[in-house]
C-alpha cells in the first residue's frame, strides 16, 4: 500500500518539479525524473500499475489547468534595448 501511495505521489509531483525548475535547468529536472522512474523500475514494475498512469495524468492535467493551459508568453510589451541603455546611463 505504501508503495502505491509513493508511486502516485512521484507521478503527480514529477511534472510540477519539471515545470517549477528554472528554464535553464528543466532538462536536468526531466533527466532526474526519468532517472527516478528507471531506478524504481529496477525494484518494481510500474508500467502496468494503473495508479501511476492516473497520477501522471492528474499531475500533467493540474499543471495545464493551474498554469493557464500552457500559454506562457509574456503579455507585457517589451522595451527596446536603447531605452534600457538610456536608463542605465542616467544612473
PDB file of N, CA and C in Angstrom:
ATOM      1  N   UNK A   1       0.822  -1.197   0.000  1.00  0.00           N
ATOM      2  CA  UNK A   1       0.000   0.000   0.000  1.00  0.00           C
ATOM      3  C   UNK A   1       0.870   1.267   0.000  1.00  0.00           C
ATOM      4  N   UNK A   2       1.929   1.275   0.799  1.00  0.00           N
ATOM      5  CA  UNK A   2       2.807   2.433   0.867  1.00  0.00           C
ATOM      6  C   UNK A   2       3.499   2.677  -0.470  1.00  0.00           C
ATOM      7  N   UNK A   3       3.858   1.595  -1.151  1.00  0.00           N
ATOM      8  CA  UNK A   3       4.490   1.725  -2.463  1.00  0.00           C
ATOM      9  C   UNK A   3       3.548   2.394  -3.461  1.00  0.00           C
ATOM     10  N   UNK A   4       2.266   2.031  -3.404  1.00  0.00           N
ATOM     11  CA  UNK A   4       1.286   2.634  -4.302  1.00  0.00           C
ATOM     12  C   UNK A   4       1.138   4.124  -4.029  1.00  0.00           C
ATOM     13  N   UNK A   5       1.121   4.512  -2.765  1.00  0.00           N
ATOM     14  CA  UNK A   5       0.985   5.930  -2.411  1.00  0.00           C
ATOM     15  C   UNK A   5       2.224   6.705  -2.862  1.00  0.00           C
ATOM     16  N   UNK A   6       3.409   6.158  -2.622  1.00  0.00           N
ATOM     17  CA  UNK A   6       4.644   6.839  -3.027  1.00  0.00           C
ATOM     18  C   UNK A   6       4.754   6.961  -4.538  1.00  0.00           C
ATOM     19  N   UNK A   7       4.406   5.896  -5.257  1.00  0.00           N
ATOM     20  CA  UNK A   7       4.477   5.951  -6.712  1.00  0.00           C
ATOM     21  C   UNK A   7       3.482   6.960  -7.273  1.00  0.00           C
ATOM     22  N   UNK A   8       2.301   7.032  -6.692  1.00  0.00           N
ATOM     23  CA  UNK A   8       1.313   8.022  -7.132  1.00  0.00           C
ATOM     24  C   UNK A   8       1.811   9.433  -6.836  1.00  0.00           C
ATOM     25  N   UNK A   9       2.435   9.641  -5.668  1.00  0.00           N
ATOM     26  CA  UNK A   9       2.975  10.954  -5.334  1.00  0.00           C
ATOM     27  C   UNK A   9       4.080  11.356  -6.314  1.00  0.00           C
ATOM     28  N   UNK A  10       4.959  10.430  -6.647  1.00  0.00           N
ATOM     29  CA  UNK A  10       6.036  10.721  -7.599  1.00  0.00           C
ATOM     30  C   UNK A  10       5.447  11.054  -8.967  1.00  0.00           C
ATOM     31  N   UNK A  11       4.423  10.332  -9.379  1.00  0.00           N
ATOM     32  CA  UNK A  11       3.806  10.570 -10.684  1.00  0.00           C
ATOM     33  C   UNK A  11       3.122  11.930 -10.734  1.00  0.00           C
ATOM     34  N   UNK A  12       2.490  12.351  -9.644  1.00  0.00           N
ATOM     35  CA  UNK A  12       1.817  13.651  -9.619  1.00  0.00           C
ATOM     36  C   UNK A  12       2.838  14.780  -9.496  1.00  0.00           C
ATOM     37  N   UNK A  13       3.870  14.585  -8.687  1.00  0.00           N
ATOM     38  CA  UNK A  13       4.837  15.654  -8.421  1.00  0.00           C
ATOM     39  C   UNK A  13       5.851  15.828  -9.543  1.00  0.00           C
ATOM     40  N   UNK A  14       6.099  14.802 -10.340  1.00  0.00           N
ATOM     41  CA  UNK A  14       7.115  14.878 -11.396  1.00  0.00           C
ATOM     42  C   UNK A  14       6.908  16.014 -12.382  1.00  0.00           C
ATOM     43  N   UNK A  15       5.730  16.148 -12.981  1.00  0.00           N
ATOM     44  CA  UNK A  15       5.524  17.269 -13.903  1.00  0.00           C
ATOM     45  C   UNK A  15       5.673  18.635 -13.237  1.00  0.00           C
ATOM     46  N   UNK A  16       5.284  18.750 -11.966  1.00  0.00           N
ATOM     47  CA  UNK A  16       5.423  20.019 -11.253  1.00  0.00           C
ATOM     48  C   UNK A  16       6.881  20.359 -10.992  1.00  0.00           C
ATOM     49  N   UNK A  17       7.671  19.358 -10.657  1.00  0.00           N
ATOM     50  CA  UNK A  17       9.098  19.601 -10.417  1.00  0.00           C
ATOM     51  C   UNK A  17       9.761  20.105 -11.693  1.00  0.00           C
ATOM     52  N   UNK A  18       9.406  19.505 -12.816  1.00  0.00           N
ATOM     53  CA  UNK A  18       9.981  19.929 -14.093  1.00  0.00           C
ATOM     54  C   UNK A  18       9.516  21.341 -14.443  1.00  0.00           C
ATOM     55  N   UNK A  19       8.247  21.629 -14.209  1.00  0.00           N
ATOM     56  CA  UNK A  19       7.708  22.950 -14.541  1.00  0.00           C
ATOM     57  C   UNK A  19       8.283  24.048 -13.651  1.00  0.00           C
ATOM     58  N   UNK A  20       8.464  23.771 -12.379  1.00  0.00           N
ATOM     59  CA  UNK A  20       8.924  24.790 -11.444  1.00  0.00           C
ATOM     60  C   UNK A  20      10.437  24.989 -11.457  1.00  0.00           C
ATOM     61  N   UNK A  21      11.149  24.126 -12.151  1.00  0.00           N
ATOM     62  CA  UNK A  21      12.602  24.305 -12.266  1.00  0.00           C
ATOM     63  C   UNK A  21      12.879  25.535 -13.127  1.00  0.00           C
ATOM     64  N   UNK A  22      13.974  26.232 -12.865  1.00  0.00           N
ATOM     65  CA  UNK A  22      14.339  27.362 -13.735  1.00  0.00           C
ATOM     66  C   UNK A  22      14.515  26.894 -15.172  1.00  0.00           C
ATOM     67  N   UNK A  23      14.240  27.783 -16.097  1.00  0.00           N
ATOM     68  CA  UNK A  23      14.246  27.429 -17.516  1.00  0.00           C
ATOM     69  C   UNK A  23      15.560  26.774 -17.946  1.00  0.00           C
ATOM     70  N   UNK A  24      16.663  27.224 -17.393  1.00  0.00           N
ATOM     71  CA  UNK A  24      17.954  26.664 -17.800  1.00  0.00           C
ATOM     72  C   UNK A  24      18.203  25.286 -17.197  1.00  0.00           C
ATOM     73  N   UNK A  25      17.409  24.865 -16.210  1.00  0.00           N
ATOM     74  CA  UNK A  25      17.626  23.590 -15.545  1.00  0.00           C
ATOM     75  C   UNK A  25      16.490  22.597 -15.754  1.00  0.00           C
ATOM     76  N   UNK A  26      15.585  22.881 -16.670  1.00  0.00           N
ATOM     77  CA  UNK A  26      14.458  21.975 -16.885  1.00  0.00           C
ATOM     78  C   UNK A  26      14.878  20.646 -17.496  1.00  0.00           C
ATOM     79  N   UNK A  27      15.887  20.671 -18.340  1.00  0.00           N
ATOM     80  CA  UNK A  27      16.358  19.416 -18.912  1.00  0.00           C
ATOM     81  C   UNK A  27      16.951  18.525 -17.821  1.00  0.00           C
ATOM     82  N   UNK A  28      17.666  19.121 -16.889  1.00  0.00           N
ATOM     83  CA  UNK A  28      18.229  18.357 -15.778  1.00  0.00           C
ATOM     84  C   UNK A  28      17.104  17.796 -14.905  1.00  0.00           C
ATOM     85  N   UNK A  29      16.046  18.568 -14.681  1.00  0.00           N
ATOM     86  CA  UNK A  29      14.917  18.090 -13.891  1.00  0.00           C
ATOM     87  C   UNK A  29      14.215  16.930 -14.598  1.00  0.00           C
ATOM     88  N   UNK A  30      14.077  17.019 -15.912  1.00  0.00           N
ATOM     89  CA  UNK A  30      13.459  15.935 -16.673  1.00  0.00           C
ATOM     90  C   UNK A  30      14.308  14.670 -16.601  1.00  0.00           C
ATOM     91  N   UNK A  31      15.613  14.817 -16.766  1.00  0.00           N
ATOM     92  CA  UNK A  31      16.508  13.661 -16.682  1.00  0.00           C
ATOM     93  C   UNK A  31      16.457  13.056 -15.283  1.00  0.00           C
ATOM     94  N   UNK A  32      16.390  13.895 -14.255  1.00  0.00           N
ATOM     95  CA  UNK A  32      16.283  13.403 -12.889  1.00  0.00           C
ATOM     96  C   UNK A  32      14.989  12.649 -12.651  1.00  0.00           C
ATOM     97  N   UNK A  33      13.886  13.150 -13.182  1.00  0.00           N
ATOM     98  CA  UNK A  33      12.598  12.472 -13.030  1.00  0.00           C
ATOM     99  C   UNK A  33      12.605  11.116 -13.726  1.00  0.00           C
ATOM    100  N   UNK A  34      13.137  11.079 -14.930  1.00  0.00           N
ATOM    101  CA  UNK A  34      13.226   9.809 -15.661  1.00  0.00           C
ATOM    102  C   UNK A  34      14.169   8.848 -14.936  1.00  0.00           C
ATOM    103  N   UNK A  35      15.254   9.365 -14.369  1.00  0.00           N
ATOM    104  CA  UNK A  35      16.189   8.510 -13.630  1.00  0.00           C
ATOM    105  C   UNK A  35      15.517   7.900 -12.398  1.00  0.00           C
ATOM    106  N   UNK A  36      14.698   8.685 -11.711  1.00  0.00           N
ATOM    107  CA  UNK A  36      13.979   8.152 -10.547  1.00  0.00           C
ATOM    108  C   UNK A  36      13.019   7.059 -10.981  1.00  0.00           C
ATOM    109  N   UNK A  37      12.327   7.276 -12.093  1.00  0.00           N
ATOM    110  CA  UNK A  37      11.405   6.251 -12.575  1.00  0.00           C
ATOM    111  C   UNK A  37      12.147   4.992 -13.004  1.00  0.00           C
ATOM    112  N   UNK A  38      13.306   5.143 -13.643  1.00  0.00           N
ATOM    113  CA  UNK A  38      14.077   3.968 -14.050  1.00  0.00           C
ATOM    114  C   UNK A  38      14.644   3.223 -12.844  1.00  0.00           C
ATOM    115  N   UNK A  39      15.072   3.946 -11.816  1.00  0.00           N
ATOM    116  CA  UNK A  39      15.542   3.275 -10.604  1.00  0.00           C
ATOM    117  C   UNK A  39      14.401   2.540  -9.912  1.00  0.00           C
ATOM    118  N   UNK A  40      13.208   3.139  -9.938  1.00  0.00           N
ATOM    119  CA  UNK A  40      12.048   2.479  -9.357  1.00  0.00           C
ATOM    120  C   UNK A  40      11.720   1.219 -10.138  1.00  0.00           C
ATOM    121  N   UNK A  41      11.938   1.266 -11.449  1.00  0.00           N
ATOM    122  CA  UNK A  41      11.658   0.113 -12.298  1.00  0.00           C
ATOM    123  C   UNK A  41      12.568  -1.064 -11.960  1.00  0.00           C
ATOM    124  N   UNK A  42      13.760  -0.793 -11.435  1.00  0.00           N
ATOM    125  CA  UNK A  42      14.651  -1.875 -11.025  1.00  0.00           C
ATOM    126  C   UNK A  42      14.054  -2.703  -9.888  1.00  0.00           C
ATOM    127  N   UNK A  43      13.312  -2.051  -9.011  1.00  0.00           N
ATOM    128  CA  UNK A  43      12.764  -2.738  -7.846  1.00  0.00           C
ATOM    129  C   UNK A  43      11.329  -3.215  -8.050  1.00  0.00           C
ATOM    130  N   UNK A  44      10.590  -2.518  -8.865  1.00  0.00           N
ATOM    131  CA  UNK A  44       9.186  -2.881  -9.069  1.00  0.00           C
ATOM    132  C   UNK A  44       8.735  -2.412 -10.449  1.00  0.00           C
ATOM    133  N   UNK A  45       7.933  -3.211 -11.096  1.00  0.00           N
ATOM    134  CA  UNK A  45       7.427  -2.845 -12.414  1.00  0.00           C
ATOM    135  C   UNK A  45       6.221  -1.917 -12.248  1.00  0.00           C
ATOM    136  N   UNK A  46       6.361  -0.667 -12.688  1.00  0.00           N
ATOM    137  CA  UNK A  46       5.269   0.304 -12.562  1.00  0.00           C
ATOM    138  C   UNK A  46       4.556   0.540 -13.888  1.00  0.00           C
ATOM    139  N   UNK A  47       4.987  -0.148 -14.960  1.00  0.00           N
ATOM    140  CA  UNK A  47       4.328   0.060 -16.248  1.00  0.00           C
ATOM    141  C   UNK A  47       2.858  -0.365 -16.212  1.00  0.00           C
ATOM    142  N   UNK A  48       2.568  -1.443 -15.532  1.00  0.00           N
ATOM    143  CA  UNK A  48       1.200  -1.954 -15.503  1.00  0.00           C
ATOM    144  C   UNK A  48       0.363  -1.428 -14.372  1.00  0.00           C
ATOM    145  N   UNK A  49       0.894  -0.538 -13.571  1.00  0.00           N
ATOM    146  CA  UNK A  49       0.155  -0.013 -12.421  1.00  0.00           C
ATOM    147  C   UNK A  49      -0.738   1.145 -12.870  1.00  0.00           C
ATOM    148  N   UNK A  50      -2.025   0.975 -12.731  1.00  0.00           N
ATOM    149  CA  UNK A  50      -2.974   1.984 -13.206  1.00  0.00           C
ATOM    150  C   UNK A  50      -2.855   3.270 -12.399  1.00  0.00           C
ATOM    151  N   UNK A  51      -2.531   3.170 -11.106  1.00  0.00           N
ATOM    152  CA  UNK A  51      -2.461   4.367 -10.276  1.00  0.00           C
ATOM    153  C   UNK A  51      -1.283   5.262 -10.667  1.00  0.00           C
ATOM    154  N   UNK A  52      -0.227   4.681 -11.240  1.00  0.00           N
ATOM    155  CA  UNK A  52       0.869   5.510 -11.732  1.00  0.00           C
ATOM    156  C   UNK A  52       0.404   6.362 -12.909  1.00  0.00           C
ATOM    157  N   UNK A  53      -0.274   5.748 -13.853  1.00  0.00           N
ATOM    158  CA  UNK A  53      -0.706   6.477 -15.047  1.00  0.00           C
ATOM    159  C   UNK A  53      -1.791   7.496 -14.711  1.00  0.00           C
ATOM    160  N   UNK A  54      -2.681   7.153 -13.786  1.00  0.00           N
ATOM    161  CA  UNK A  54      -3.694   8.122 -13.345  1.00  0.00           C
ATOM    162  C   UNK A  54      -3.013   9.294 -12.645  1.00  0.00           C
ATOM    163  N   UNK A  55      -2.025   9.013 -11.788  1.00  0.00           N
ATOM    164  CA  UNK A  55      -1.291  10.069 -11.099  1.00  0.00           C
ATOM    165  C   UNK A  55      -0.544  10.967 -12.066  1.00  0.00           C
ATOM    166  N   UNK A  56       0.069  10.371 -13.096  1.00  0.00           N
ATOM    167  CA  UNK A  56       0.778  11.164 -14.097  1.00  0.00           C
ATOM    168  C   UNK A  56      -0.187  12.051 -14.872  1.00  0.00           C
ATOM    169  N   UNK A  57      -1.347  11.524 -15.231  1.00  0.00           N
ATOM    170  CA  UNK A  57      -2.354  12.344 -15.921  1.00  0.00           C
ATOM    171  C   UNK A  57      -2.880  13.460 -15.018  1.00  0.00           C
ATOM    172  N   UNK A  58      -3.068  13.170 -13.742  1.00  0.00           N
ATOM    173  CA  UNK A  58      -3.517  14.200 -12.800  1.00  0.00           C
ATOM    174  C   UNK A  58      -2.456  15.287 -12.670  1.00  0.00           C
ATOM    175  N   UNK A  59      -1.184  14.896 -12.587  1.00  0.00           N
ATOM    176  CA  UNK A  59      -0.110  15.878 -12.477  1.00  0.00           C
ATOM    177  C   UNK A  59      -0.014  16.766 -13.701  1.00  0.00           C
ATOM    178  N   UNK A  60      -0.068  16.173 -14.875  1.00  0.00           N
ATOM    179  CA  UNK A  60       0.009  16.955 -16.109  1.00  0.00           C
ATOM    180  C   UNK A  60      -1.245  17.807 -16.282  1.00  0.00           C
ATOM    181  N   UNK A  61      -2.414  17.233 -15.980  1.00  0.00           N
ATOM    182  CA  UNK A  61      -3.662  17.986 -16.102  1.00  0.00           C
ATOM    183  C   UNK A  61      -3.732  19.160 -15.149  1.00  0.00           C
ATOM    184  N   UNK A  62      -3.304  18.959 -13.910  1.00  0.00           N
ATOM    185  CA  UNK A  62      -3.323  20.067 -12.952  1.00  0.00           C
ATOM    186  C   UNK A  62      -2.321  21.141 -13.344  1.00  0.00           C
ATOM    187  N   UNK A  63      -1.228  20.730 -13.929  1.00  0.00           N
ATOM    188  CA  UNK A  63      -0.233  21.691 -14.393  1.00  0.00           C
ATOM    189  C   UNK A  63      -0.799  22.582 -15.491  1.00  0.00           C
ATOM    190  N   UNK A  64      -1.479  21.984 -16.468  1.00  0.00           N
ATOM    191  CA  UNK A  64      -2.082  22.775 -17.536  1.00  0.00           C
ATOM    192  C   UNK A  64      -3.232  23.635 -17.010  1.00  0.00           C
ATOM    193  N   UNK A  65      -4.021  23.088 -16.098  1.00  0.00           N
ATOM    194  CA  UNK A  65      -5.154  23.830 -15.576  1.00  0.00           C
ATOM    195  C   UNK A  65      -4.706  25.034 -14.752  1.00  0.00           C
ATOM    196  N   UNK A  66      -3.736  24.847 -13.872  1.00  0.00           N
ATOM    197  CA  UNK A  66      -3.322  25.923 -12.979  1.00  0.00           C
ATOM    198  C   UNK A  66      -2.332  26.898 -13.604  1.00  0.00           C
ATOM    199  N   UNK A  67      -1.662  26.488 -14.670  1.00  0.00           N
ATOM    200  CA  UNK A  67      -0.697  27.403 -15.288  1.00  0.00           C
ATOM    201  C   UNK A  67      -1.261  28.094 -16.519  1.00  0.00           C
ATOM    202  N   UNK A  68      -2.519  27.952 -16.795  1.00  0.00           N
ATOM    203  CA  UNK A  68      -3.142  28.689 -17.882  1.00  0.00           C
ATOM    204  C   UNK A  68      -3.131  27.963 -19.213  1.00  0.00           C
ATOM    205  N   UNK A  69      -3.100  26.660 -19.205  1.00  0.00           N
ATOM    206  CA  UNK A  69      -3.205  25.897 -20.437  1.00  0.00           C
ATOM    207  C   UNK A  69      -1.948  25.867 -21.279  1.00  0.00           C
ATOM    208  N   UNK A  70      -0.829  26.166 -20.707  1.00  0.00           N
ATOM    209  CA  UNK A  70       0.424  26.064 -21.444  1.00  0.00           C
ATOM    210  C   UNK A  70       0.818  27.326 -22.184  1.00  0.00           C
ATOM    211  N   UNK A  71       0.059  28.414 -22.062  1.00  0.00           N
ATOM    212  CA  UNK A  71       0.392  29.665 -22.728  1.00  0.00           C
ATOM    213  C   UNK A  71       1.250  30.501 -21.788  1.00  0.00           C
ATOM    214  N   UNK A  72       2.561  30.470 -21.988  1.00  0.00           N
ATOM    215  CA  UNK A  72       3.475  31.134 -21.065  1.00  0.00           C
ATOM    216  C   UNK A  72       4.095  32.391 -21.661  1.00  0.00           C
ATOM    217  N   UNK A  73       3.492  32.935 -22.676  1.00  0.00           N
ATOM    218  CA  UNK A  73       4.063  34.146 -23.261  1.00  0.00           C
ATOM    219  C   UNK A  73       3.857  35.331 -22.325  1.00  0.00           C
ATOM    220  N   UNK A  74       4.829  36.196 -22.327  1.00  0.00           N
ATOM    221  CA  UNK A  74       4.753  37.401 -21.514  1.00  0.00           C
ATOM    222  C   UNK A  74       3.864  38.405 -22.235  1.00  0.00           C
ATOM    223  N   UNK A  75       2.817  38.848 -21.605  1.00  0.00           N
ATOM    224  CA  UNK A  75       1.845  39.737 -22.243  1.00  0.00           C
ATOM    225  C   UNK A  75       2.268  41.203 -22.182  1.00  0.00           C
ATOM    226  N   UNK A  76       3.291  41.517 -21.396  1.00  0.00           N
ATOM    227  CA  UNK A  76       3.742  42.901 -21.308  1.00  0.00           C
ATOM    228  C   UNK A  76       4.521  43.268 -22.566  1.00  0.00           C
ATOM    229  N   UNK A  77       4.369  44.497 -23.033  1.00  0.00           N
ATOM    230  CA  UNK A  77       5.161  44.897 -24.203  1.00  0.00           C
ATOM    231  C   UNK A  77       6.644  44.966 -23.841  1.00  0.00           C
ATOM    232  N   UNK A  78       7.478  44.507 -24.741  1.00  0.00           N
ATOM    233  CA  UNK A  78       8.916  44.517 -24.496  1.00  0.00           C
ATOM    234  C   UNK A  78       9.477  45.900 -24.750  1.00  0.00           C
ATOM    235  N   UNK A  79      10.429  46.277 -23.931  1.00  0.00           N
ATOM    236  CA  UNK A  79      11.091  47.566 -24.106  1.00  0.00           C
ATOM    237  C   UNK A  79      12.287  47.386 -25.018  1.00  0.00           C
ATOM    238  N   UNK A  80      12.523  48.389 -25.813  1.00  0.00           N
ATOM    239  CA  UNK A  80      13.684  48.320 -26.699  1.00  0.00           C
ATOM    240  C   UNK A  80      14.956  48.431 -25.881  1.00  0.00           C
ATOM    241  N   UNK A  81      16.035  47.851 -26.379  1.00  0.00           N
ATOM    242  CA  UNK A  81      17.299  47.884 -25.639  1.00  0.00           C
ATOM    243  C   UNK A  81      17.849  49.301 -25.556  1.00  0.00           C
ATOM    244  N   UNK A  82      17.511  50.145 -26.522  1.00  0.00           N
ATOM    245  CA  UNK A  82      18.006  51.525 -26.453  1.00  0.00           C
ATOM    246  C   UNK A  82      17.396  52.256 -25.258  1.00  0.00           C
ATOM    247  N   UNK A  83      16.142  51.961 -24.935  1.00  0.00           N
ATOM    248  CA  UNK A  83      15.523  52.569 -23.765  1.00  0.00           C
ATOM    249  C   UNK A  83      16.197  52.089 -22.491  1.00  0.00           C
ATOM    250  N   UNK A  84      16.576  50.827 -22.454  1.00  0.00           N
ATOM    251  CA  UNK A  84      17.229  50.274 -21.268  1.00  0.00           C
ATOM    252  C   UNK A  84      18.605  50.877 -21.068  1.00  0.00           C
ATOM    253  N   UNK A  85      19.365  51.056 -22.154  1.00  0.00           N
ATOM    254  CA  UNK A  85      20.699  51.629 -22.033  1.00  0.00           C
ATOM    255  C   UNK A  85      20.620  53.105 -21.613  1.00  0.00           C
ATOM    256  N   UNK A  86      19.578  53.806 -22.054  1.00  0.00           N
ATOM    257  CA  UNK A  86      19.396  55.183 -21.639  1.00  0.00           C
ATOM    258  C   UNK A  86      19.122  55.287 -20.151  1.00  0.00           C
ATOM    259  N   UNK A  87      18.341  54.341 -19.630  1.00  0.00           N
ATOM    260  CA  UNK A  87      18.049  54.349 -18.209  1.00  0.00           C
ATOM    261  C   UNK A  87      19.307  54.052 -17.397  1.00  0.00           C
ATOM    262  N   UNK A  88      20.136  53.163 -17.865  1.00  0.00           N
ATOM    263  CA  UNK A  88      21.366  52.828 -17.157  1.00  0.00           C
ATOM    264  C   UNK A  88      22.328  54.014 -17.175  1.00  0.00           C
ATOM    265  N   UNK A  89      22.413  54.694 -18.319  1.00  0.00           N
ATOM    266  CA  UNK A  89      23.337  55.839 -18.404  1.00  0.00           C
ATOM    267  C   UNK A  89      22.840  57.003 -17.550  1.00  0.00           C
ATOM    268  N   UNK A  90      21.553  57.103 -17.299  1.00  0.00           N
ATOM    269  CA  UNK A  90      21.008  58.165 -16.463  1.00  0.00           C
ATOM    270  C   UNK A  90      21.359  57.963 -14.983  1.00  0.00           C
ATOM    271  N   UNK A  91      21.689  56.751 -14.600  1.00  0.00           N
ATOM    272  CA  UNK A  91      22.026  56.489 -13.201  1.00  0.00           C
ATOM    273  C   UNK A  91      23.367  57.054 -12.917  1.00  0.00           C
TER     274      UNK A  91
END
